[in-house]
Amino acid sequence: MKRPELPSRRIVNALGKSEIVVTPTGLGIVEELAAKGCSVVTIAKALGVDKETFRHIRGRDPAVEEAFEAGRAKEHDRLVANLNTAAASGNVVASIFLLRARHGYQSAEGIDVNVNVQTGGVLVVPADISVEDYLARVAEREMVDVTPADRPAPALYPGHAPDAAPLEPARRAPSGTVIAPFPGPRNTRGD
């Protein structure tokens, strides 16, 4: 009775050093497990080696790397086919994902954020107009500035230190933009 071939075996190479090689049976196992989406650790375990040894074998033996990549390609093709089937049957999420992942589509709407580093303020501008147009409209009173003129002391907020100094109230710059000071982190440990 013939013994089954092991997935890997130890040999002595031409230089007289011991190394592990993957047999044809092992190449089939590598491709099959990679096609199922198994991790490198699982594939290495099936060959009877650890993860680092498997990584070394893949780098040394092109047949092992080819079997691994062929398996991953099969998994990729199967998953894309499943996603295409879902999209074709009306799954909107699958359709959106395929458009974004395979065709570079992006959301049409976005929020422009302009951060002024000197004042620490953040200005959120509607996506359909430029920052300059927005500021001009605010200055011309076409849009209402809803920034509060005064802010309550931090002690009014739960979790804030009661002895903390109140925030400086917002003030207006000559251009009509709002400068809202941000004090940054406070040292509450007393260091």
N, C-alpha and C. Protein backbone atom coordinates (compact mmCIF):
# COMPACT_ATOMS: atom_id res chain seq x y z
N MET A 1 0.84 -1.17 0.00
CA MET A 1 0.00 0.00 0.00
C MET A 1 0.89 1.25 0.00
N LYS A 2 0.56 2.19 -0.89
CA LYS A 2 1.35 3.41 -1.04
C LYS A 2 0.90 4.45 -0.03
N ARG A 3 1.87 5.10 0.61
CA ARG A 3 1.56 6.17 1.57
C ARG A 3 1.19 7.43 0.81
N PRO A 4 0.21 8.21 1.34
CA PRO A 4 -0.14 9.47 0.69
C PRO A 4 1.02 10.46 0.80
N GLU A 5 1.13 11.30 -0.23
CA GLU A 5 2.20 12.30 -0.23
C GLU A 5 1.87 13.40 0.77
N LEU A 6 2.85 13.78 1.56
CA LEU A 6 2.67 14.88 2.51
C LEU A 6 2.69 16.21 1.77
N PRO A 7 2.06 17.26 2.33
CA PRO A 7 2.04 18.56 1.66
C PRO A 7 3.41 19.24 1.63
N SER A 8 4.26 18.91 2.58
CA SER A 8 5.62 19.47 2.59
C SER A 8 6.55 18.44 3.21
N ARG A 9 7.83 18.58 2.86
CA ARG A 9 8.81 17.67 3.45
C ARG A 9 10.14 18.38 3.56
N ARG A 10 10.97 17.86 4.45
CA ARG A 10 12.29 18.44 4.66
C ARG A 10 13.28 17.69 3.77
N ILE A 11 14.13 18.47 3.08
CA ILE A 11 15.17 17.88 2.23
C ILE A 11 16.51 18.54 2.56
N VAL A 12 17.57 17.96 2.00
CA VAL A 12 18.89 18.59 2.09
C VAL A 12 19.18 19.13 0.70
N ASN A 13 19.41 20.45 0.61
CA ASN A 13 19.62 21.08 -0.70
C ASN A 13 21.03 20.84 -1.21
N ALA A 14 21.35 21.40 -2.36
CA ALA A 14 22.65 21.20 -3.02
C ALA A 14 23.80 21.74 -2.18
N LEU A 15 23.51 22.71 -1.32
CA LEU A 15 24.55 23.28 -0.46
C LEU A 15 24.73 22.49 0.83
N GLY A 16 23.96 21.42 1.00
CA GLY A 16 24.05 20.61 2.21
C GLY A 16 23.23 21.14 3.37
N LYS A 17 22.35 22.11 3.10
CA LYS A 17 21.52 22.68 4.16
C LYS A 17 20.13 22.06 4.10
N SER A 18 19.52 21.95 5.26
CA SER A 18 18.17 21.41 5.36
C SER A 18 17.15 22.51 5.05
N GLU A 19 16.15 22.17 4.23
CA GLU A 19 15.09 23.13 3.94
C GLU A 19 13.79 22.37 3.70
N ILE A 20 12.69 23.10 3.81
CA ILE A 20 11.37 22.50 3.60
C ILE A 20 10.91 22.86 2.20
N VAL A 21 10.39 21.85 1.48
CA VAL A 21 9.83 22.08 0.15
C VAL A 21 8.37 21.68 0.17
N VAL A 22 7.59 22.32 -0.68
CA VAL A 22 6.17 22.01 -0.80
C VAL A 22 6.02 21.03 -1.96
N THR A 23 5.34 19.94 -1.71
CA THR A 23 5.13 18.90 -2.71
C THR A 23 4.00 19.30 -3.65
N PRO A 24 3.80 18.57 -4.77
CA PRO A 24 2.65 18.86 -5.64
C PRO A 24 1.32 18.79 -4.89
N THR A 25 1.19 17.87 -3.94
CA THR A 25 -0.03 17.81 -3.12
C THR A 25 -0.17 19.10 -2.31
N GLY A 26 0.94 19.58 -1.77
CA GLY A 26 0.93 20.82 -0.99
C GLY A 26 0.57 22.02 -1.84
N LEU A 27 1.04 22.04 -3.10
CA LEU A 27 0.68 23.15 -3.99
C LEU A 27 -0.82 23.20 -4.21
N GLY A 28 -1.44 22.02 -4.35
CA GLY A 28 -2.90 21.97 -4.50
C GLY A 28 -3.60 22.48 -3.26
N ILE A 29 -3.06 22.14 -2.09
CA ILE A 29 -3.65 22.60 -0.83
C ILE A 29 -3.53 24.12 -0.71
N VAL A 30 -2.36 24.65 -1.06
CA VAL A 30 -2.15 26.11 -0.99
C VAL A 30 -3.17 26.82 -1.87
N GLU A 31 -3.33 26.36 -3.12
CA GLU A 31 -4.26 27.02 -4.04
C GLU A 31 -5.71 26.89 -3.56
N GLU A 32 -6.08 25.70 -3.09
CA GLU A 32 -7.46 25.48 -2.62
C GLU A 32 -7.80 26.34 -1.42
N LEU A 33 -6.91 26.39 -0.43
CA LEU A 33 -7.18 27.18 0.77
C LEU A 33 -7.16 28.68 0.48
N ALA A 34 -6.25 29.13 -0.39
CA ALA A 34 -6.22 30.55 -0.75
C ALA A 34 -7.51 30.92 -1.49
N ALA A 35 -8.03 30.01 -2.31
CA ALA A 35 -9.28 30.26 -3.04
C ALA A 35 -10.47 30.35 -2.10
N LYS A 36 -10.38 29.68 -0.96
CA LYS A 36 -11.46 29.73 0.04
C LYS A 36 -11.33 30.95 0.94
N GLY A 37 -10.25 31.72 0.79
CA GLY A 37 -10.07 32.92 1.60
C GLY A 37 -9.39 32.66 2.93
N CYS A 38 -8.76 31.50 3.08
CA CYS A 38 -8.09 31.17 4.34
C CYS A 38 -6.89 32.09 4.56
N SER A 39 -6.57 32.30 5.82
CA SER A 39 -5.43 33.16 6.16
C SER A 39 -4.12 32.45 5.88
N VAL A 40 -3.05 33.22 5.85
CA VAL A 40 -1.71 32.67 5.65
C VAL A 40 -1.38 31.70 6.78
N VAL A 41 -1.80 32.00 7.98
CA VAL A 41 -1.55 31.13 9.13
C VAL A 41 -2.21 29.77 8.92
N THR A 42 -3.45 29.75 8.43
CA THR A 42 -4.17 28.51 8.19
C THR A 42 -3.50 27.70 7.09
N ILE A 43 -3.08 28.36 6.02
CA ILE A 43 -2.41 27.66 4.93
C ILE A 43 -1.08 27.07 5.41
N ALA A 44 -0.34 27.84 6.18
CA ALA A 44 0.94 27.36 6.71
C ALA A 44 0.72 26.14 7.61
N LYS A 45 -0.30 26.20 8.45
CA LYS A 45 -0.61 25.08 9.34
C LYS A 45 -0.95 23.81 8.55
N ALA A 46 -1.69 23.99 7.44
CA ALA A 46 -2.05 22.83 6.61
C ALA A 46 -0.81 22.19 5.98
N LEU A 47 0.23 22.99 5.75
CA LEU A 47 1.49 22.47 5.21
C LEU A 47 2.38 21.90 6.30
N GLY A 48 2.05 22.18 7.55
CA GLY A 48 2.86 21.69 8.67
C GLY A 48 4.03 22.59 9.00
N VAL A 49 3.91 23.88 8.65
CA VAL A 49 4.96 24.85 8.94
C VAL A 49 4.35 26.07 9.62
N ASP A 50 5.20 26.96 10.15
CA ASP A 50 4.65 28.17 10.74
C ASP A 50 4.55 29.28 9.68
N LYS A 51 3.95 30.39 10.08
CA LYS A 51 3.67 31.50 9.15
C LYS A 51 4.95 32.05 8.52
N GLU A 52 6.00 32.25 9.31
CA GLU A 52 7.25 32.81 8.80
C GLU A 52 7.94 31.84 7.85
N THR A 53 7.89 30.55 8.14
CA THR A 53 8.49 29.56 7.24
C THR A 53 7.74 29.55 5.92
N PHE A 54 6.41 29.64 5.96
CA PHE A 54 5.63 29.68 4.74
C PHE A 54 5.96 30.93 3.93
N ARG A 55 6.12 32.06 4.61
CA ARG A 55 6.51 33.30 3.91
C ARG A 55 7.86 33.12 3.23
N HIS A 56 8.79 32.49 3.92
CA HIS A 56 10.12 32.25 3.36
C HIS A 56 10.04 31.30 2.15
N ILE A 57 9.23 30.25 2.26
CA ILE A 57 9.06 29.31 1.15
C ILE A 57 8.46 30.02 -0.06
N ARG A 58 7.47 30.87 0.17
CA ARG A 58 6.85 31.61 -0.94
C ARG A 58 7.87 32.49 -1.65
N GLY A 59 8.76 33.10 -0.89
CA GLY A 59 9.79 33.95 -1.49
C GLY A 59 10.84 33.16 -2.24
N ARG A 60 11.08 31.94 -1.81
CA ARG A 60 12.13 31.11 -2.41
C ARG A 60 11.63 30.27 -3.58
N ASP A 61 10.38 29.80 -3.51
CA ASP A 61 9.84 28.87 -4.51
C ASP A 61 8.72 29.55 -5.31
N PRO A 62 8.98 29.90 -6.56
CA PRO A 62 7.96 30.58 -7.37
C PRO A 62 6.69 29.74 -7.56
N ALA A 63 6.79 28.42 -7.54
CA ALA A 63 5.61 27.58 -7.72
C ALA A 63 4.64 27.75 -6.55
N VAL A 64 5.17 27.90 -5.34
CA VAL A 64 4.31 28.09 -4.16
C VAL A 64 3.63 29.45 -4.23
N GLU A 65 4.39 30.48 -4.58
CA GLU A 65 3.81 31.82 -4.71
C GLU A 65 2.75 31.84 -5.81
N GLU A 66 3.02 31.14 -6.91
CA GLU A 66 2.06 31.08 -8.01
C GLU A 66 0.77 30.38 -7.59
N ALA A 67 0.89 29.28 -6.83
CA ALA A 67 -0.30 28.57 -6.33
C ALA A 67 -1.10 29.48 -5.39
N PHE A 68 -0.40 30.21 -4.53
CA PHE A 68 -1.05 31.13 -3.59
C PHE A 68 -1.79 32.22 -4.35
N GLU A 69 -1.13 32.84 -5.33
CA GLU A 69 -1.75 33.92 -6.11
C GLU A 69 -2.90 33.40 -6.97
N ALA A 70 -2.78 32.20 -7.51
CA ALA A 70 -3.86 31.61 -8.30
C ALA A 70 -5.10 31.39 -7.43
N GLY A 71 -4.88 30.92 -6.21
CA GLY A 71 -6.00 30.73 -5.28
C GLY A 71 -6.66 32.05 -4.92
N ARG A 72 -5.85 33.08 -4.65
CA ARG A 72 -6.42 34.39 -4.32
C ARG A 72 -7.19 34.96 -5.51
N ALA A 73 -6.70 34.71 -6.72
CA ALA A 73 -7.39 35.19 -7.92
C ALA A 73 -8.75 34.51 -8.07
N LYS A 74 -8.81 33.21 -7.76
CA LYS A 74 -10.10 32.49 -7.82
C LYS A 74 -11.08 33.08 -6.81
N GLU A 75 -10.58 33.35 -5.59
CA GLU A 75 -11.43 33.95 -4.57
C GLU A 75 -11.93 35.32 -5.02
N HIS A 76 -11.04 36.12 -5.57
CA HIS A 76 -11.40 37.45 -6.05
C HIS A 76 -12.49 37.37 -7.11
N ASP A 77 -12.29 36.50 -8.09
CA ASP A 77 -13.25 36.37 -9.18
C ASP A 77 -14.62 35.90 -8.67
N ARG A 78 -14.62 34.97 -7.71
CA ARG A 78 -15.88 34.48 -7.14
C ARG A 78 -16.61 35.60 -6.40
N LEU A 79 -15.87 36.38 -5.60
CA LEU A 79 -16.50 37.46 -4.84
C LEU A 79 -17.04 38.56 -5.76
N VAL A 80 -16.28 38.89 -6.80
CA VAL A 80 -16.76 39.91 -7.74
C VAL A 80 -18.00 39.41 -8.47
N ALA A 81 -18.01 38.13 -8.84
CA ALA A 81 -19.19 37.56 -9.50
C ALA A 81 -20.40 37.62 -8.58
N ASN A 82 -20.21 37.29 -7.30
CA ASN A 82 -21.32 37.38 -6.33
C ASN A 82 -21.82 38.81 -6.19
N LEU A 83 -20.89 39.75 -6.14
CA LEU A 83 -21.26 41.16 -6.02
C LEU A 83 -22.00 41.64 -7.27
N ASN A 84 -21.53 41.23 -8.43
CA ASN A 84 -22.21 41.58 -9.68
C ASN A 84 -23.61 41.00 -9.73
N THR A 85 -23.77 39.75 -9.27
CA THR A 85 -25.09 39.12 -9.23
C THR A 85 -26.02 39.90 -8.31
N ALA A 86 -25.51 40.27 -7.14
CA ALA A 86 -26.33 41.05 -6.20
C ALA A 86 -26.71 42.40 -6.80
N ALA A 87 -25.76 43.06 -7.46
CA ALA A 87 -26.04 44.37 -8.07
C ALA A 87 -27.06 44.22 -9.19
N ALA A 88 -26.93 43.17 -9.99
CA ALA A 88 -27.85 42.96 -11.11
C ALA A 88 -29.27 42.64 -10.63
N SER A 89 -29.38 42.08 -9.43
CA SER A 89 -30.70 41.75 -8.90
C SER A 89 -31.33 42.92 -8.15
N GLY A 90 -30.67 44.09 -8.19
CA GLY A 90 -31.27 45.29 -7.60
C GLY A 90 -30.70 45.70 -6.26
N ASN A 91 -29.66 45.06 -5.79
CA ASN A 91 -29.04 45.44 -4.52
C ASN A 91 -28.29 46.76 -4.73
N VAL A 92 -28.85 47.84 -4.19
CA VAL A 92 -28.30 49.18 -4.40
C VAL A 92 -26.93 49.32 -3.76
N VAL A 93 -26.74 48.75 -2.58
CA VAL A 93 -25.46 48.86 -1.88
C VAL A 93 -24.36 48.19 -2.71
N ALA A 94 -24.66 47.01 -3.25
CA ALA A 94 -23.67 46.32 -4.10
C ALA A 94 -23.37 47.15 -5.34
N SER A 95 -24.38 47.76 -5.93
CA SER A 95 -24.17 48.59 -7.11
C SER A 95 -23.28 49.79 -6.80
N ILE A 96 -23.57 50.46 -5.70
CA ILE A 96 -22.77 51.63 -5.30
C ILE A 96 -21.32 51.21 -5.03
N PHE A 97 -21.16 50.09 -4.31
CA PHE A 97 -19.80 49.63 -4.00
C PHE A 97 -19.03 49.33 -5.28
N LEU A 98 -19.65 48.63 -6.23
CA LEU A 98 -18.96 48.31 -7.48
C LEU A 98 -18.60 49.57 -8.26
N LEU A 99 -19.50 50.53 -8.30
CA LEU A 99 -19.19 51.78 -9.00
C LEU A 99 -18.01 52.50 -8.35
N ARG A 100 -17.98 52.51 -7.04
CA ARG A 100 -16.88 53.20 -6.35
C ARG A 100 -15.58 52.42 -6.46
N ALA A 101 -15.63 51.11 -6.20
CA ALA A 101 -14.41 50.32 -6.16
C ALA A 101 -13.82 50.06 -7.54
N ARG A 102 -14.65 49.83 -8.53
CA ARG A 102 -14.14 49.43 -9.84
C ARG A 102 -14.12 50.56 -10.86
N HIS A 103 -14.89 51.61 -10.62
CA HIS A 103 -14.99 52.67 -11.62
C HIS A 103 -14.69 54.07 -11.06
N GLY A 104 -14.25 54.17 -9.83
CA GLY A 104 -13.79 55.43 -9.26
C GLY A 104 -14.86 56.45 -8.95
N TYR A 105 -16.13 56.02 -8.88
CA TYR A 105 -17.19 56.99 -8.58
C TYR A 105 -17.04 57.47 -7.14
N GLN A 106 -17.44 58.74 -6.91
CA GLN A 106 -17.42 59.31 -5.57
C GLN A 106 -18.73 60.02 -5.34
N SER A 107 -19.05 60.26 -4.09
CA SER A 107 -20.28 60.97 -3.77
C SER A 107 -20.25 62.35 -4.39
N ALA A 108 -21.40 62.79 -4.89
CA ALA A 108 -21.48 64.09 -5.55
C ALA A 108 -21.44 65.23 -4.56
N GLU A 109 -21.95 65.01 -3.35
CA GLU A 109 -22.01 66.08 -2.36
C GLU A 109 -20.86 65.96 -1.39
N GLY A 110 -20.41 67.06 -0.94
CA GLY A 110 -19.35 67.08 0.05
C GLY A 110 -19.45 68.34 0.87
N ILE A 111 -18.72 68.40 1.92
CA ILE A 111 -18.69 69.60 2.76
C ILE A 111 -17.29 70.15 2.69
N ASP A 112 -17.17 71.40 2.30
CA ASP A 112 -15.88 72.07 2.29
C ASP A 112 -15.63 72.58 3.71
N VAL A 113 -14.47 72.27 4.23
CA VAL A 113 -14.11 72.74 5.55
C VAL A 113 -12.87 73.60 5.41
N ASN A 114 -12.98 74.82 5.90
CA ASN A 114 -11.87 75.74 5.85
C ASN A 114 -11.41 75.97 7.28
N VAL A 115 -10.20 75.57 7.59
CA VAL A 115 -9.67 75.72 8.93
C VAL A 115 -8.66 76.85 8.93
N ASN A 116 -8.90 77.83 9.77
CA ASN A 116 -7.98 78.94 9.92
C ASN A 116 -7.09 78.62 11.10
N VAL A 117 -5.84 78.32 10.83
CA VAL A 117 -4.92 77.88 11.87
C VAL A 117 -4.63 78.98 12.88
N GLN A 118 -4.60 80.23 12.44
CA GLN A 118 -4.25 81.32 13.36
C GLN A 118 -5.31 81.50 14.44
N THR A 119 -6.58 81.32 14.13
CA THR A 119 -7.62 81.56 15.12
C THR A 119 -8.15 80.27 15.72
N GLY A 120 -7.85 79.14 15.10
CA GLY A 120 -8.35 77.87 15.61
C GLY A 120 -9.80 77.63 15.29
N GLY A 121 -10.42 78.48 14.46
CA GLY A 121 -11.83 78.33 14.12
C GLY A 121 -12.04 77.40 12.94
N VAL A 122 -13.24 76.92 12.80
CA VAL A 122 -13.62 76.08 11.67
C VAL A 122 -14.85 76.69 11.02
N LEU A 123 -14.82 76.80 9.72
CA LEU A 123 -15.93 77.37 8.98
C LEU A 123 -16.48 76.28 8.07
N VAL A 124 -17.75 75.95 8.23
CA VAL A 124 -18.39 74.95 7.39
C VAL A 124 -19.21 75.69 6.34
N VAL A 125 -18.88 75.42 5.09
CA VAL A 125 -19.48 76.13 3.96
C VAL A 125 -20.28 75.14 3.13
N PRO A 126 -21.49 75.52 2.68
CA PRO A 126 -22.24 74.62 1.79
C PRO A 126 -21.40 74.27 0.56
N ALA A 127 -21.54 73.03 0.08
CA ALA A 127 -20.71 72.54 -1.01
C ALA A 127 -20.96 73.25 -2.34
N ASP A 128 -22.12 73.84 -2.50
CA ASP A 128 -22.46 74.42 -3.80
C ASP A 128 -21.93 75.84 -4.01
N ILE A 129 -21.24 76.44 -3.01
CA ILE A 129 -20.65 77.76 -3.19
C ILE A 129 -19.22 77.75 -2.67
N SER A 130 -18.44 78.71 -3.12
CA SER A 130 -17.06 78.80 -2.66
C SER A 130 -17.01 79.51 -1.30
N VAL A 131 -15.90 79.37 -0.63
CA VAL A 131 -15.72 80.02 0.68
C VAL A 131 -15.82 81.54 0.53
N GLU A 132 -15.20 82.07 -0.54
CA GLU A 132 -15.23 83.52 -0.75
C GLU A 132 -16.66 84.01 -0.97
N ASP A 133 -17.45 83.27 -1.79
CA ASP A 133 -18.85 83.65 -2.02
C ASP A 133 -19.65 83.60 -0.73
N TYR A 134 -19.40 82.56 0.07
CA TYR A 134 -20.11 82.42 1.33
C TYR A 134 -19.82 83.61 2.25
N LEU A 135 -18.55 83.97 2.38
CA LEU A 135 -18.18 85.09 3.25
C LEU A 135 -18.76 86.40 2.72
N ALA A 136 -18.80 86.55 1.39
CA ALA A 136 -19.39 87.77 0.81
C ALA A 136 -20.88 87.82 1.12
N ARG A 137 -21.57 86.70 1.04
CA ARG A 137 -23.01 86.67 1.34
C ARG A 137 -23.26 86.98 2.81
N VAL A 138 -22.43 86.46 3.69
CA VAL A 138 -22.59 86.75 5.12
C VAL A 138 -22.38 88.24 5.36
N ALA A 139 -21.35 88.82 4.71
CA ALA A 139 -21.07 90.24 4.88
C ALA A 139 -22.21 91.10 4.34
N GLU A 140 -22.87 90.64 3.27
CA GLU A 140 -23.98 91.38 2.67
C GLU A 140 -25.32 91.03 3.31
N ARG A 141 -25.27 90.23 4.34
CA ARG A 141 -26.46 89.83 5.10
C ARG A 141 -27.43 88.96 4.28
N GLU A 142 -26.94 88.33 3.22
CA GLU A 142 -27.79 87.38 2.49
C GLU A 142 -27.93 86.08 3.28
N MET A 143 -26.94 85.80 4.10
CA MET A 143 -26.99 84.62 4.96
C MET A 143 -26.86 85.10 6.39
N VAL A 144 -27.46 84.40 7.28
CA VAL A 144 -27.47 84.81 8.67
C VAL A 144 -26.34 84.10 9.41
N ASP A 145 -25.57 84.88 10.14
CA ASP A 145 -24.50 84.32 10.96
C ASP A 145 -25.13 83.87 12.28
N VAL A 146 -25.05 82.58 12.57
CA VAL A 146 -25.70 82.06 13.77
C VAL A 146 -24.69 81.78 14.88
N THR A 147 -23.49 82.30 14.75
CA THR A 147 -22.48 82.12 15.78
C THR A 147 -22.90 82.88 17.03
N PRO A 148 -22.94 82.23 18.20
CA PRO A 148 -23.34 82.94 19.41
C PRO A 148 -22.32 84.02 19.76
N ALA A 149 -22.83 85.17 20.18
CA ALA A 149 -21.96 86.29 20.53
C ALA A 149 -21.20 86.02 21.82
N ASP A 150 -21.86 85.42 22.77
CA ASP A 150 -21.22 85.08 24.05
C ASP A 150 -21.39 83.60 24.30
N ARG A 151 -20.43 83.02 24.94
CA ARG A 151 -20.50 81.60 25.28
C ARG A 151 -20.53 81.50 26.79
N PRO A 152 -21.30 80.54 27.32
CA PRO A 152 -21.32 80.37 28.77
C PRO A 152 -19.97 79.85 29.27
N ALA A 153 -19.72 80.11 30.53
CA ALA A 153 -18.47 79.64 31.13
C ALA A 153 -18.43 78.12 31.10
N PRO A 154 -17.25 77.53 30.96
CA PRO A 154 -17.14 76.07 30.91
C PRO A 154 -17.72 75.37 32.13
N ALA A 155 -17.80 76.05 33.28
CA ALA A 155 -18.32 75.41 34.49
C ALA A 155 -19.78 75.00 34.31
N LEU A 156 -20.50 75.58 33.35
CA LEU A 156 -21.89 75.23 33.12
C LEU A 156 -22.04 73.88 32.42
N TYR A 157 -20.95 73.39 31.84
CA TYR A 157 -21.00 72.11 31.13
C TYR A 157 -20.59 70.98 32.07
N PRO A 158 -21.30 69.86 32.05
CA PRO A 158 -20.93 68.73 32.91
C PRO A 158 -19.53 68.25 32.57
N GLY A 159 -18.76 67.93 33.60
CA GLY A 159 -17.43 67.39 33.39
C GLY A 159 -16.34 68.44 33.27
N HIS A 160 -16.69 69.71 33.19
CA HIS A 160 -15.69 70.75 33.10
C HIS A 160 -15.30 71.22 34.49
N ALA A 161 -14.08 71.66 34.61
CA ALA A 161 -13.59 72.13 35.90
C ALA A 161 -14.32 73.42 36.28
N PRO A 162 -14.90 73.52 37.50
CA PRO A 162 -15.65 74.71 37.88
C PRO A 162 -14.76 75.94 38.04
N ASP A 163 -13.45 75.75 38.27
CA ASP A 163 -12.59 76.91 38.48
C ASP A 163 -11.94 77.37 37.18
N ALA A 164 -12.33 76.79 36.05
CA ALA A 164 -11.72 77.16 34.78
C ALA A 164 -12.17 78.57 34.38
N ALA A 165 -11.29 79.28 33.73
CA ALA A 165 -11.62 80.63 33.27
C ALA A 165 -12.64 80.55 32.14
N PRO A 166 -13.58 81.49 32.10
CA PRO A 166 -14.57 81.46 31.02
C PRO A 166 -13.90 81.73 29.67
N LEU A 167 -14.54 81.25 28.61
CA LEU A 167 -14.02 81.47 27.27
C LEU A 167 -14.19 82.93 26.88
N GLU A 168 -13.27 83.39 26.09
CA GLU A 168 -13.36 84.75 25.55
C GLU A 168 -14.53 84.78 24.57
N PRO A 169 -15.38 85.81 24.62
CA PRO A 169 -16.51 85.83 23.68
C PRO A 169 -16.02 86.01 22.25
N ALA A 170 -16.84 85.53 21.32
CA ALA A 170 -16.51 85.67 19.90
C ALA A 170 -16.50 87.15 19.54
N ARG A 171 -15.66 87.52 18.61
CA ARG A 171 -15.64 88.91 18.16
C ARG A 171 -15.63 88.93 16.65
N ARG A 172 -15.98 90.04 16.10
CA ARG A 172 -16.12 90.16 14.65
C ARG A 172 -14.88 90.85 14.07
N ALA A 173 -14.41 90.29 12.97
CA ALA A 173 -13.30 90.90 12.23
C ALA A 173 -13.90 91.94 11.30
N PRO A 174 -13.12 92.87 10.79
CA PRO A 174 -13.65 93.91 9.91
C PRO A 174 -14.34 93.36 8.67
N SER A 175 -13.92 92.19 8.18
CA SER A 175 -14.51 91.66 6.95
C SER A 175 -15.87 91.04 7.18
N GLY A 176 -16.30 90.93 8.42
CA GLY A 176 -17.59 90.32 8.72
C GLY A 176 -17.47 88.85 9.10
N THR A 177 -16.26 88.30 9.04
CA THR A 177 -16.09 86.91 9.44
C THR A 177 -16.06 86.83 10.95
N VAL A 178 -16.38 85.68 11.45
CA VAL A 178 -16.42 85.48 12.89
C VAL A 178 -15.11 84.87 13.34
N ILE A 179 -14.52 85.42 14.38
CA ILE A 179 -13.32 84.85 14.97
C ILE A 179 -13.74 84.29 16.32
N ALA A 180 -13.77 82.97 16.40
CA ALA A 180 -14.17 82.34 17.64
C ALA A 180 -12.92 81.73 18.27
N PRO A 181 -12.47 82.30 19.37
CA PRO A 181 -11.23 81.79 19.97
C PRO A 181 -11.43 80.39 20.52
N PHE A 182 -10.39 79.59 20.38
CA PHE A 182 -10.39 78.24 20.94
C PHE A 182 -9.20 78.17 21.87
N PRO A 183 -9.45 78.03 23.15
CA PRO A 183 -8.35 78.12 24.10
C PRO A 183 -7.41 76.93 24.07
N GLY A 184 -7.79 75.82 23.47
CA GLY A 184 -6.92 74.65 23.45
C GLY A 184 -7.05 73.88 24.76
N PRO A 185 -6.25 72.85 24.93
CA PRO A 185 -6.36 72.02 26.14
C PRO A 185 -5.94 72.78 27.37
N ARG A 186 -6.62 72.49 28.46
CA ARG A 186 -6.29 73.14 29.71
C ARG A 186 -5.62 72.14 30.65
N ASN A 187 -4.75 72.62 31.45
CA ASN A 187 -4.08 71.78 32.43
C ASN A 187 -4.97 71.75 33.67
N THR A 188 -5.65 70.63 33.93
CA THR A 188 -6.55 70.55 35.07
C THR A 188 -5.94 69.77 36.23
N ARG A 189 -4.69 69.28 36.05
CA ARG A 189 -4.06 68.51 37.12
C ARG A 189 -3.33 69.41 38.12
N GLY A 190 -3.11 70.66 37.78
CA GLY A 190 -2.44 71.58 38.69
C GLY A 190 -0.92 71.52 38.57
N ASP A 191 -0.40 70.97 37.48
CA ASP A 191 1.06 70.89 37.28
C ASP A 191 1.64 72.23 36.92
